[in-house]
C-alpha atoms as a PDB file:
ATOM      1  CA  UNK A   1    -352.632 -91.748 -49.208  1.00  0.00           C
ATOM      2  CA  UNK A   2    -353.281 -88.062 -49.715  1.00  0.00           C
ATOM      3  CA  UNK A   3    -350.280 -85.843 -50.475  1.00  0.00           C
ATOM      4  CA  UNK A   4    -349.782 -82.253 -51.493  1.00  0.00           C
ATOM      5  CA  UNK A   5    -348.104 -81.798 -54.894  1.00  0.00           C
ATOM      6  CA  UNK A   6    -344.679 -80.983 -53.441  1.00  0.00           C
ATOM      7  CA  UNK A   7    -344.866 -83.988 -51.107  1.00  0.00           C
ATOM      8  CA  UNK A   8    -345.809 -86.200 -54.054  1.00  0.00           C
ATOM      9  CA  UNK A   9    -342.785 -84.951 -56.000  1.00  0.00           C
ATOM     10  CA  UNK A  10    -340.505 -85.785 -53.059  1.00  0.00           C
ATOM     11  CA  UNK A  11    -342.026 -89.257 -52.825  1.00  0.00           C
ATOM     12  CA  UNK A  12    -341.665 -89.714 -56.582  1.00  0.00           C
ATOM     13  CA  UNK A  13    -337.936 -89.103 -56.186  1.00  0.00           C
ATOM     14  CA  UNK A  14    -337.732 -92.155 -53.938  1.00  0.00           C
ATOM     15  CA  UNK A  15    -339.906 -94.378 -56.097  1.00  0.00           C
ATOM     16  CA  UNK A  16    -338.082 -93.451 -59.322  1.00  0.00           C
ATOM     17  CA  UNK A  17    -334.635 -94.285 -57.968  1.00  0.00           C
ATOM     18  CA  UNK A  18    -333.299 -90.733 -58.129  1.00  0.00           C
ATOM     19  CA  UNK A  19    -329.924 -90.556 -56.355  1.00  0.00           C
ATOM     20  CA  UNK A  20    -329.178 -86.814 -56.435  1.00  0.00           C
ATOM     21  CA  UNK A  21    -331.395 -83.752 -55.993  1.00  0.00           C
ATOM     22  CA  UNK A  22    -330.135 -80.172 -56.183  1.00  0.00           C
ATOM     23  CA  UNK A  23    -332.578 -77.410 -55.321  1.00  0.00           C
ATOM     24  CA  UNK A  24    -332.594 -73.656 -54.979  1.00  0.00           C
ATOM     25  CA  UNK A  25    -335.364 -72.967 -52.454  1.00  0.00           C
ATOM     26  CA  UNK A  26    -338.234 -70.615 -53.058  1.00  0.00           C
ATOM     27  CA  UNK A  27    -341.992 -70.647 -52.829  1.00  0.00           C
ATOM     28  CA  UNK A  28    -343.912 -72.450 -54.333  1.00  0.00           C
ATOM     29  CA  UNK A  29    -341.302 -75.260 -54.451  1.00  0.00           C
ATOM     30  CA  UNK A  30    -339.787 -74.995 -50.962  1.00  0.00           C
ATOM     31  CA  UNK A  31    -341.686 -77.960 -49.519  1.00  0.00           C
ATOM     32  CA  UNK A  32    -339.940 -80.352 -51.920  1.00  0.00           C
ATOM     33  CA  UNK A  33    -336.625 -79.501 -50.306  1.00  0.00           C
ATOM     34  CA  UNK A  34    -338.068 -79.492 -46.809  1.00  0.00           C
ATOM     35  CA  UNK A  35    -339.356 -83.046 -47.274  1.00  0.00           C
ATOM     36  CA  UNK A  36    -336.135 -84.277 -48.878  1.00  0.00           C
ATOM     37  CA  UNK A  37    -334.081 -82.740 -46.060  1.00  0.00           C
ATOM     38  CA  UNK A  38    -335.980 -84.911 -43.587  1.00  0.00           C
ATOM     39  CA  UNK A  39    -335.704 -88.059 -45.718  1.00  0.00           C
ATOM     40  CA  UNK A  40    -332.093 -87.778 -46.965  1.00  0.00           C
ATOM     41  CA  UNK A  41    -330.271 -88.909 -43.791  1.00  0.00           C
ATOM     42  CA  UNK A  42    -332.182 -92.202 -43.870  1.00  0.00           C
ATOM     43  CA  UNK A  43    -331.543 -92.967 -47.546  1.00  0.00           C
ATOM     44  CA  UNK A  44    -328.385 -94.827 -48.550  1.00  0.00           C
ATOM     45  CA  UNK A  45    -326.638 -93.622 -51.716  1.00  0.00           C
ATOM     46  CA  UNK A  46    -328.736 -90.442 -51.865  1.00  0.00           C
ATOM     47  CA  UNK A  47    -327.380 -86.900 -52.066  1.00  0.00           C
ATOM     48  CA  UNK A  48    -329.450 -83.758 -51.527  1.00  0.00           C
ATOM     49  CA  UNK A  49    -328.317 -80.154 -51.482  1.00  0.00           C
ATOM     50  CA  UNK A  50    -329.700 -76.656 -51.285  1.00  0.00           C
ATOM     51  CA  UNK A  51    -327.586 -75.042 -53.998  1.00  0.00           C
ATOM     52  CA  UNK A  52    -326.156 -71.522 -54.068  1.00  0.00           C
ATOM     53  CA  UNK A  53    -328.411 -70.579 -56.991  1.00  0.00           C
ATOM     54  CA  UNK A  54    -330.431 -72.167 -59.784  1.00  0.00           C
ATOM     55  CA  UNK A  55    -327.487 -72.315 -62.191  1.00  0.00           C
ATOM     56  CA  UNK A  56    -325.428 -74.280 -59.685  1.00  0.00           C
ATOM     57  CA  UNK A  57    -328.374 -76.596 -58.947  1.00  0.00           C
ATOM     58  CA  UNK A  58    -328.743 -77.437 -62.637  1.00  0.00           C
ATOM     59  CA  UNK A  59    -324.992 -77.907 -63.075  1.00  0.00           C
ATOM     60  CA  UNK A  60    -324.859 -80.332 -60.124  1.00  0.00           C
ATOM     61  CA  UNK A  61    -327.879 -82.337 -61.298  1.00  0.00           C
ATOM     62  CA  UNK A  62    -326.676 -82.203 -64.900  1.00  0.00           C
ATOM     63  CA  UNK A  63    -323.207 -83.469 -63.993  1.00  0.00           C
ATOM     64  CA  UNK A  64    -324.782 -86.398 -62.171  1.00  0.00           C
ATOM     65  CA  UNK A  65    -326.963 -87.246 -65.181  1.00  0.00           C
ATOM     66  CA  UNK A  66    -323.985 -86.992 -67.549  1.00  0.00           C
ATOM     67  CA  UNK A  67    -322.158 -89.424 -65.234  1.00  0.00           C
ATOM     68  CA  UNK A  68    -325.072 -91.880 -65.388  1.00  0.00           C
ATOM     69  CA  UNK A  69    -326.810 -91.055 -62.091  1.00  0.00           C
ATOM     70  CA  UNK A  70    -330.541 -90.286 -62.012  1.00  0.00           C
ATOM     71  CA  UNK A  71    -331.033 -86.731 -60.798  1.00  0.00           C
ATOM     72  CA  UNK A  72    -333.484 -83.896 -60.309  1.00  0.00           C
ATOM     73  CA  UNK A  73    -333.195 -80.123 -60.155  1.00  0.00           C
ATOM     74  CA  UNK A  74    -335.876 -77.918 -58.586  1.00  0.00           C
ATOM     75  CA  UNK A  75    -336.402 -74.162 -58.891  1.00  0.00           C
ATOM     76  CA  UNK A  76    -339.021 -71.435 -59.237  1.00  0.00           C
ATOM     77  CA  UNK A  77    -340.119 -70.175 -62.650  1.00  0.00           C
ATOM     78  CA  UNK A  78    -337.730 -67.203 -62.790  1.00  0.00           C
ATOM     79  CA  UNK A  79    -334.931 -69.541 -61.692  1.00  0.00           C
ATOM     80  CA  UNK A  80    -334.991 -71.411 -64.981  1.00  0.00           C
ATOM     81  CA  UNK A  81    -333.975 -68.133 -66.620  1.00  0.00           C
ATOM     82  CA  UNK A  82    -330.984 -67.987 -64.243  1.00  0.00           C
ATOM     83  CA  UNK A  83    -330.069 -71.564 -65.219  1.00  0.00           C
ATOM     84  CA  UNK A  84    -330.466 -71.012 -68.971  1.00  0.00           C
ATOM     85  CA  UNK A  85    -326.771 -71.465 -69.827  1.00  0.00           C
ATOM     86  CA  UNK A  86    -326.344 -74.986 -68.408  1.00  0.00           C
ATOM     87  CA  UNK A  87    -329.905 -75.831 -69.523  1.00  0.00           C
ATOM     88  CA  UNK A  88    -329.047 -75.308 -73.186  1.00  0.00           C
ATOM     89  CA  UNK A  89    -325.600 -76.885 -72.799  1.00  0.00           C
ATOM     90  CA  UNK A  90    -327.154 -80.065 -71.374  1.00  0.00           C
ATOM     91  CA  UNK A  91    -329.604 -80.194 -74.264  1.00  0.00           C
ATOM     92  CA  UNK A  92    -326.652 -80.073 -76.656  1.00  0.00           C
ATOM     93  CA  UNK A  93    -324.331 -82.465 -74.794  1.00  0.00           C
ATOM     94  CA  UNK A  94    -326.985 -84.932 -73.646  1.00  0.00           C
ATOM     95  CA  UNK A  95    -327.164 -87.069 -70.519  1.00  0.00           C
ATOM     96  CA  UNK A  96    -326.695 -90.784 -69.797  1.00  0.00           C
ATOM     97  CA  UNK A  97    -329.327 -91.122 -67.066  1.00  0.00           C
ATOM     98  CA  UNK A  98    -332.769 -89.757 -66.328  1.00  0.00           C
ATOM     99  CA  UNK A  99    -332.917 -86.146 -65.204  1.00  0.00           C
ATOM    100  CA  UNK A 100    -336.019 -84.252 -64.128  1.00  0.00           C
ATOM    101  CA  UNK A 101    -336.197 -80.467 -64.007  1.00  0.00           C
ATOM    102  CA  UNK A 102    -339.028 -79.281 -61.760  1.00  0.00           C
ATOM    103  CA  UNK A 103    -340.058 -75.670 -62.362  1.00  0.00           C
ATOM    104  CA  UNK A 104    -342.619 -74.394 -59.862  1.00  0.00           C
ATOM    105  CA  UNK A 105    -344.422 -71.501 -61.505  1.00  0.00           C
ATOM    106  CA  UNK A 106    -346.569 -68.906 -59.791  1.00  0.00           C
ATOM    107  CA  UNK A 107    -348.687 -67.502 -62.664  1.00  0.00           C
ATOM    108  CA  UNK A 108    -350.823 -65.271 -60.454  1.00  0.00           C
ATOM    109  CA  UNK A 109    -347.916 -63.990 -58.347  1.00  0.00           C
ATOM    110  CA  UNK A 110    -349.293 -65.281 -55.044  1.00  0.00           C
ATOM    111  CA  UNK A 111    -345.826 -65.759 -53.591  1.00  0.00           C
ATOM    112  CA  UNK A 112    -343.333 -64.456 -56.164  1.00  0.00           C
ATOM    113  CA  UNK A 113    -341.810 -61.125 -57.036  1.00  0.00           C
ATOM    114  CA  UNK A 114    -342.644 -61.492 -60.735  1.00  0.00           C
ATOM    115  CA  UNK A 115    -344.974 -63.500 -62.902  1.00  0.00           C
ATOM    116  CA  UNK A 116    -343.585 -66.401 -64.895  1.00  0.00           C
ATOM    117  CA  UNK A 117    -345.560 -69.093 -66.670  1.00  0.00           C
ATOM    118  CA  UNK A 118    -343.332 -71.651 -68.367  1.00  0.00           C
ATOM    119  CA  UNK A 119    -346.299 -73.373 -70.034  1.00  0.00           C
ATOM    120  CA  UNK A 120    -346.125 -70.845 -72.869  1.00  0.00           C
END
Protein backbone atom coordinates (compact mmCIF):
# COMPACT_ATOMS: atom_id res chain seq x y z
CA UNK A 1 0.00 0.00 0.00
CA UNK A 2 1.36 3.38 -0.99
CA UNK A 3 0.23 6.39 1.04
CA UNK A 4 1.17 10.03 1.21
CA UNK A 5 2.58 11.14 4.59
CA UNK A 6 -0.66 12.80 5.73
CA UNK A 7 -2.68 9.72 4.73
CA UNK A 8 -0.25 7.52 6.65
CA UNK A 9 -0.68 9.68 9.75
CA UNK A 10 -4.47 9.34 9.50
CA UNK A 11 -4.14 5.58 9.14
CA UNK A 12 -1.74 5.46 12.08
CA UNK A 13 -4.44 7.07 14.21
CA UNK A 14 -6.67 4.07 13.55
CA UNK A 15 -3.98 1.46 14.08
CA UNK A 16 -2.73 3.05 17.32
CA UNK A 17 -6.16 3.14 18.95
CA UNK A 18 -6.40 6.93 19.12
CA UNK A 19 -9.93 7.93 20.16
CA UNK A 20 -9.81 11.73 19.82
CA UNK A 21 -8.17 14.02 17.25
CA UNK A 22 -8.34 17.81 17.37
CA UNK A 23 -6.90 19.72 14.44
CA UNK A 24 -6.57 23.30 13.28
CA UNK A 25 -6.43 23.03 9.48
CA UNK A 26 -3.70 24.51 7.36
CA UNK A 27 -1.34 23.41 4.64
CA UNK A 28 0.76 21.24 4.80
CA UNK A 29 -1.33 19.29 7.35
CA UNK A 30 -4.84 19.76 5.92
CA UNK A 31 -5.05 16.30 4.35
CA UNK A 32 -4.85 14.64 7.78
CA UNK A 33 -8.12 16.29 8.73
CA UNK A 34 -9.68 15.68 5.34
CA UNK A 35 -9.02 11.94 5.64
CA UNK A 36 -10.21 11.76 9.24
CA UNK A 37 -13.40 13.64 8.34
CA UNK A 38 -14.24 10.88 5.87
CA UNK A 39 -13.36 8.07 8.29
CA UNK A 40 -14.85 9.42 11.55
CA UNK A 41 -18.54 8.66 10.89
CA UNK A 42 -17.70 4.98 10.43
CA UNK A 43 -15.59 4.64 13.58
CA UNK A 44 -17.27 3.81 16.89
CA UNK A 45 -15.97 5.64 19.97
CA UNK A 46 -13.97 8.11 17.86
CA UNK A 47 -14.20 11.89 18.06
CA UNK A 48 -12.72 14.29 15.51
CA UNK A 49 -12.97 18.06 15.38
CA UNK A 50 -11.65 21.01 13.45
CA UNK A 51 -10.86 23.31 16.37
CA UNK A 52 -11.24 27.09 16.54
CA UNK A 53 -7.46 27.54 16.78
CA UNK A 54 -4.32 25.62 17.70
CA UNK A 55 -4.59 26.44 21.40
CA UNK A 56 -8.08 24.99 21.57
CA UNK A 57 -6.99 21.90 19.61
CA UNK A 58 -4.19 21.21 22.10
CA UNK A 59 -6.47 21.84 25.08
CA UNK A 60 -9.07 19.38 23.73
CA UNK A 61 -6.49 16.68 22.96
CA UNK A 62 -4.67 17.36 26.23
CA UNK A 63 -7.85 17.07 28.29
CA UNK A 64 -8.56 13.71 26.67
CA UNK A 65 -5.04 12.47 27.45
CA UNK A 66 -5.29 13.69 31.05
CA UNK A 67 -8.57 11.73 31.30
CA UNK A 68 -6.86 8.57 30.01
CA UNK A 69 -7.96 8.67 26.36
CA UNK A 70 -5.38 8.36 23.56
CA UNK A 71 -5.39 11.56 21.53
CA UNK A 72 -3.67 13.55 18.82
CA UNK A 73 -3.40 17.24 18.00
CA UNK A 74 -2.40 18.51 14.55
CA UNK A 75 -1.25 21.98 13.49
CA UNK A 76 1.18 23.88 11.27
CA UNK A 77 4.57 24.98 12.56
CA UNK A 78 3.52 28.51 13.56
CA UNK A 79 0.49 26.98 15.29
CA UNK A 80 2.62 25.37 17.97
CA UNK A 81 3.62 28.90 18.99
CA UNK A 82 -0.09 29.73 19.37
CA UNK A 83 -0.54 26.62 21.54
CA UNK A 84 2.52 27.26 23.71
CA UNK A 85 0.59 27.92 26.94
CA UNK A 86 -1.26 24.58 27.11
CA UNK A 87 1.82 22.84 25.65
CA UNK A 88 3.97 23.80 28.62
CA UNK A 89 1.13 23.23 31.10
CA UNK A 90 0.66 19.66 29.83
CA UNK A 91 4.38 19.03 30.17
CA UNK A 92 4.14 20.11 33.81
CA UNK A 93 0.87 18.36 34.70
CA UNK A 94 1.45 15.18 32.69
CA UNK A 95 -1.01 12.90 30.94
CA UNK A 96 -2.42 9.43 31.67
CA UNK A 97 -2.67 8.20 28.07
CA UNK A 98 -0.68 8.50 24.88
CA UNK A 99 -0.85 11.85 23.12
CA UNK A 100 0.75 12.73 19.80
CA UNK A 101 1.36 16.30 18.68
CA UNK A 102 1.82 16.51 14.91
CA UNK A 103 3.49 19.72 13.74
CA UNK A 104 3.60 20.07 9.96
CA UNK A 105 6.44 22.44 9.15
CA UNK A 106 7.04 24.22 5.87
CA UNK A 107 10.76 25.14 6.05
CA UNK A 108 10.94 26.55 2.53
CA UNK A 109 7.65 28.46 2.76
CA UNK A 110 5.99 26.64 -0.14
CA UNK A 111 2.53 27.07 1.35
CA UNK A 112 2.91 29.17 4.51
CA UNK A 113 3.02 32.84 5.34
CA UNK A 114 6.21 32.48 7.40
CA UNK A 115 9.04 30.03 7.78
CA UNK A 116 9.11 27.76 10.81
CA UNK A 117 11.31 24.73 11.33
CA UNK A 118 10.65 23.01 14.65
CA UNK A 119 13.59 20.63 14.18
CA UNK A 120 15.91 23.27 15.63
